[in-house]
Amino acid sequence: MSNFCREVITLQLGHYSNFVGTHWWNLQDASLSYDPEEPPSEIQSDVVFREGETLGGQVTHTPRLIAMDLKGSLRTLRQEGSLYDAGKDISAATWEGSLMMHKESPAEKNLFLEDLDKLDKGEILAESDFYPNSQPQRSGAVSVNTVNSQLAQVQKRYRLEGSVKVWSDFLRIHLHPRTISVIHQYNHDGETSRLEAFGQGETLLQGSVLEQLEDKLHFFVEECDYLQGFQVLCDLADGFAGLGSKVTEMLQDSYGGRGILTWGLAPVSHPNSTPMKDLYHMLNCALGTVHMASHSSFFCPLTLRGGLGRRPSAPTEFPLLNYDPSLWYHSSSVLALALDALTLPYRLKNNSVPMWQVADALAVSGRKVVAAYGAIPFPMMHGSSLPDALTACTDVLPWKPLSSCPEPGDGRCYSQYVTLKGFEGQRLISSLAPGTQPPTPLHSLHSGEDVLASYIGSFYPTAPLALQLVSTPSKLTAPFPQIFSQSLGAQGFLQSQPPPPGSPAPVVSSAPVMTSLQCGPAVGSWLSELHRGARTLDIRRVAPSFLSQGPEMAEYEEALEELRLLARCYRDDSGTHSSSEEDDD
């Protein structure tokens, strides 16, 4: 790894955020290179990974991560991990009285976790088709890096849709002992003692929970040389919205001047939901948005729901994906693939843009809430060029909403950051023969940046635009779900010929992705809708229990007023605004 980088510390607050984070870290792990003969990556992995050493002297790379979740959310995963544990001898107990031992059967591991255990023990998986370039063999102890390298070659199709109950069921990397914090006051499963309301989360950040968080933060911060900031993934629809509000406030107070990029995560649906729980979800989203936006460099909601109100429209659909929106394992993988591109600018080796510069480019004049959009995967024909791919999308942009915020139809946007990742092996400009008339203006341009800027500018002619083009694709190794259209080849590009009927679809091992972060009037309409949904409720009558553990009624009303004023920041310079904004005046 390089001698200099701007480190980032990640915080994951809540169960769905840990689902998305697990997929995201699996993607980062797949991009780590342990082969000196491989071409160097464009991504600087030690921005988010830290280097360590096990008790046996093996070099490790673990996430610079703090993950918080409720009791019962880990199942087979040990909170302290296994990298630095010398083993504990329970026979050394000094109690001489009578003992009664209660032994609980451990949770069963799925096939993927069983294979991970085999690799950790130095075994090579027996199936010959796992390793296309070598014959299976058995060996002695192997390093952690070797285990990861072997796992990256696994071509087996794990079908985990029926076995994933928690995020650790598909975690493929080792975590540092200081990473996981379990909140024992609330249970992950069951109908009682759940963290459901904003006020419950707010009151959590005190006592032992606060001490643990501060201890872990100090550990990771003190070993950084050039800390650029924090990326916070926080559940938006449950009580973690309150916890995240307090955590971002603490980060702002303690580490002022660092970037704090906060992503509010919400699943498409919750298990065993009720009308009252749906009401709680909307209120948590409203309060969490206004508080976390206030304490962050920018705040971006990420969800495939059709809206964060009580009656959302249909989930986001992608032309080249066949995912099940009700499965957290599926929806979180789509958001993680988008987040891999959205976070790319401040994780590059060259031309890196620090977190605070990304935020400054988007969050202007108090507009600290931004919306995300993504083309997942980006529809590019194998062997074609970027002008060809964009010309096929002349009528409508290829991306879909990732923040339940519709694309503005009038081209109004205050600022935008677009990233194209994973065009490896494809041409960014047209390769017309000399003297050939370009079929479109895009085919006459001489750089990929000019091609993409011209295309985006045709939809947003007056908006400031920042671009990032990176050829390295997102590598989709096991156990990323195979949710892709059969029209895609192994590298995620469209094929000119569909596979023969009845033939198995190829395993998609990488994917090109285009994302956009936008700040514009459409965000204001979204905020106004969120405000209006909360304002029209008589909370003391329909949901008095929501306020039983805080906030106070006066604080609640103050937060809604802040949300209304935040929405007004998104009026354009002419002073015009949408009908939904007029309703909130």
Foldseek 3Di string as FASTA:
>chain_A
DDPDAAAAAEEQFEFLSLLLVLLLVLLLLLPDDPDPPDPDAQFFSRNFWDWDAEPVGFIDTAGNAAYEYAPPQQQPADLQWDRHDPDDDPVPDPDDDDDDDDDDDGDDADPVVVVLVCVQQQAWDQDQVQAPPDGGDGDGHDGLSVSSVSQSSGPDADDCLPPDDGNNNFRNHTHHSLHYDYDHQAHPDDDPRHQFFQLSLQVPCDDPNVVSVVVSVCVSVVVDDNHQYYEYEFAQQGNSLNNLLVVLQVCCVPPPPHAYEYEHEDAQDDPPDDLVSLVRRLLSNLLSQLSNLVSGLAYEYFYQWLASHSDRDHGDDAPWFQFDSVRSSGRSSQSSQQVSFVPRQQRGPPNRDGNNRVSPQACPPNLRYKWKKKRWFQAAAPAEEQLVSLVVQLVHDRIDTRRSQHDDPQLFFAAKEKEKEAQAPHHLEADDDPPDDDPDPLNVDDDNVVSVVVSSCVSNVPYHYHYYYGNHWRFDGPPRHQGTHLQAAQCAYGYPDGDPPPDDRRHNGTGIMMMMITQALSVLLSLLVSLVSVVVDPCCPPPVVSDVSDDDPVVSVVSSVSSLVSSCSRQDPVRDHDPSNVVSD
